[in-house]
Amino acid sequence: MLDEIELNDLLVRTIEVIKQLDRLYPEREYLKLWQGYLEGKKQSQIATELAITQGAISKRWQELRLRVAQMVCIDIDIDIA
């Protein structure tokens, strides 16, 4: 199990990765999606703000989670398979 320092490092790395992905794929608006999630917004609220469908938000959220997991695990050398 991760201790508090490891969890903090993981959170910092996750945020860095989300910002990096947002720069690489600006049309996906990953940072806005993440911020909406942190603010406790529902997918439908985020969809309205980004002028896309709730289904598109759901798909982007799945993409973001997968990309973050892959990039963070590669960075800290964890096998997710």
C-alpha atoms as a PDB file:
ATOM      1  CA  MET A   1       0.000   0.000   0.000  1.00  0.00           C
ATOM      2  CA  LEU A   2       1.213   3.490  -0.801  1.00  0.00           C
ATOM      3  CA  ASP A   3       2.171   5.804   2.043  1.00  0.00           C
ATOM      4  CA  GLU A   4       1.221   9.487   2.180  1.00  0.00           C
ATOM      5  CA  ILE A   5       4.390  10.706   0.464  1.00  0.00           C
ATOM      6  CA  GLU A   6       4.008   8.188  -2.362  1.00  0.00           C
ATOM      7  CA  LEU A   7       0.359   9.154  -2.815  1.00  0.00           C
ATOM      8  CA  ASN A   8       1.297  12.831  -2.950  1.00  0.00           C
ATOM      9  CA  ASP A   9       4.013  12.106  -5.525  1.00  0.00           C
ATOM     10  CA  LEU A  10       1.534  10.071  -7.565  1.00  0.00           C
ATOM     11  CA  LEU A  11      -0.994  12.916  -7.479  1.00  0.00           C
ATOM     12  CA  VAL A  12       1.623  15.459  -8.562  1.00  0.00           C
ATOM     13  CA  ARG A  13       2.735  13.186 -11.409  1.00  0.00           C
ATOM     14  CA  THR A  14      -0.873  12.599 -12.450  1.00  0.00           C
ATOM     15  CA  ILE A  15      -1.533  16.336 -12.684  1.00  0.00           C
ATOM     16  CA  GLU A  16       1.666  16.824 -14.696  1.00  0.00           C
ATOM     17  CA  VAL A  17       0.595  14.078 -17.091  1.00  0.00           C
ATOM     18  CA  ILE A  18      -2.883  15.585 -17.521  1.00  0.00           C
ATOM     19  CA  LYS A  19      -1.343  18.965 -18.338  1.00  0.00           C
ATOM     20  CA  GLN A  20       1.018  17.304 -20.814  1.00  0.00           C
ATOM     21  CA  LEU A  21      -1.855  15.436 -22.472  1.00  0.00           C
ATOM     22  CA  ASP A  22      -3.849  18.669 -22.642  1.00  0.00           C
ATOM     23  CA  ARG A  23      -0.968  20.289 -24.554  1.00  0.00           C
ATOM     24  CA  LEU A  24      -0.610  17.287 -26.868  1.00  0.00           C
ATOM     25  CA  TYR A  25      -4.349  16.993 -27.571  1.00  0.00           C
ATOM     26  CA  PRO A  26      -5.817  20.479 -27.007  1.00  0.00           C
ATOM     27  CA  GLU A  27      -8.999  19.593 -28.867  1.00  0.00           C
ATOM     28  CA  ARG A  28      -9.788  16.933 -26.222  1.00  0.00           C
ATOM     29  CA  GLU A  29      -9.808  19.534 -23.407  1.00  0.00           C
ATOM     30  CA  TYR A  30      -8.525  17.014 -20.882  1.00  0.00           C
ATOM     31  CA  LEU A  31      -7.554  19.657 -18.326  1.00  0.00           C
ATOM     32  CA  LYS A  32     -11.054  21.154 -18.333  1.00  0.00           C
ATOM     33  CA  LEU A  33     -12.483  17.659 -17.988  1.00  0.00           C
ATOM     34  CA  TRP A  34     -10.229  16.943 -14.989  1.00  0.00           C
ATOM     35  CA  GLN A  35     -11.042  20.285 -13.378  1.00  0.00           C
ATOM     36  CA  GLY A  36     -14.752  19.647 -13.803  1.00  0.00           C
ATOM     37  CA  TYR A  37     -14.365  16.272 -12.141  1.00  0.00           C
ATOM     38  CA  LEU A  38     -12.481  17.843  -9.213  1.00  0.00           C
ATOM     39  CA  GLU A  39     -15.244  20.431  -8.847  1.00  0.00           C
ATOM     40  CA  GLY A  40     -17.779  17.610  -8.541  1.00  0.00           C
ATOM     41  CA  LYS A  41     -19.558  18.427 -11.775  1.00  0.00           C
ATOM     42  CA  LYS A  42     -21.649  15.815 -13.532  1.00  0.00           C
ATOM     43  CA  GLN A  43     -20.731  14.719 -17.033  1.00  0.00           C
ATOM     44  CA  SER A  44     -23.797  16.492 -18.391  1.00  0.00           C
ATOM     45  CA  GLN A  45     -22.655  19.771 -16.813  1.00  0.00           C
ATOM     46  CA  ILE A  46     -19.177  19.449 -18.287  1.00  0.00           C
ATOM     47  CA  ALA A  47     -20.683  18.522 -21.646  1.00  0.00           C
ATOM     48  CA  THR A  48     -22.773  21.683 -21.646  1.00  0.00           C
ATOM     49  CA  GLU A  49     -19.751  23.817 -20.763  1.00  0.00           C
ATOM     50  CA  LEU A  50     -17.656  22.247 -23.533  1.00  0.00           C
ATOM     51  CA  ALA A  51     -20.545  22.228 -26.034  1.00  0.00           C
ATOM     52  CA  ILE A  52     -20.342  18.485 -26.675  1.00  0.00           C
ATOM     53  CA  THR A  53     -22.501  15.509 -25.775  1.00  0.00           C
ATOM     54  CA  GLN A  54     -22.459  13.676 -22.468  1.00  0.00           C
ATOM     55  CA  GLY A  55     -21.440  10.576 -24.421  1.00  0.00           C
ATOM     56  CA  ALA A  56     -18.379  12.401 -25.740  1.00  0.00           C
ATOM     57  CA  ILE A  57     -17.469  13.396 -22.174  1.00  0.00           C
ATOM     58  CA  SER A  58     -17.766   9.786 -21.062  1.00  0.00           C
ATOM     59  CA  LYS A  59     -15.529   8.630 -23.908  1.00  0.00           C
ATOM     60  CA  ARG A  60     -12.944  11.361 -23.227  1.00  0.00           C
ATOM     61  CA  TRP A  61     -12.930  10.502 -19.530  1.00  0.00           C
ATOM     62  CA  GLN A  62     -12.169   6.851 -20.367  1.00  0.00           C
ATOM     63  CA  GLU A  63      -9.417   7.960 -22.775  1.00  0.00           C
ATOM     64  CA  LEU A  64      -7.925  10.276 -20.170  1.00  0.00           C
ATOM     65  CA  ARG A  65      -7.917   7.627 -17.447  1.00  0.00           C
ATOM     66  CA  LEU A  66      -6.239   5.108 -19.734  1.00  0.00           C
ATOM     67  CA  ARG A  67      -3.616   7.556 -21.016  1.00  0.00           C
ATOM     68  CA  VAL A  68      -2.812   8.792 -17.503  1.00  0.00           C
ATOM     69  CA  ALA A  69      -2.531   5.249 -16.173  1.00  0.00           C
ATOM     70  CA  GLN A  70      -0.213   4.262 -19.004  1.00  0.00           C
ATOM     71  CA  MET A  71       1.989   7.333 -18.688  1.00  0.00           C
ATOM     72  CA  VAL A  72       2.182   7.316 -14.890  1.00  0.00           C
ATOM     73  CA  CYS A  73       2.879   3.593 -14.729  1.00  0.00           C
ATOM     74  CA  ILE A  74       5.588   3.853 -17.373  1.00  0.00           C
ATOM     75  CA  ASP A  75       7.125   6.754 -15.468  1.00  0.00           C
ATOM     76  CA  ILE A  76       7.230   4.819 -12.186  1.00  0.00           C
ATOM     77  CA  ASP A  77       7.875   1.448 -13.844  1.00  0.00           C
ATOM     78  CA  ILE A  78       4.676  -0.376 -12.865  1.00  0.00           C
ATOM     79  CA  ASP A  79       3.201  -3.082 -15.060  1.00  0.00           C
ATOM     80  CA  ILE A  80      -0.559  -2.541 -15.517  1.00  0.00           C
ATOM     81  CA  ALA A  81      -1.127  -5.632 -17.654  1.00  0.00           C
END
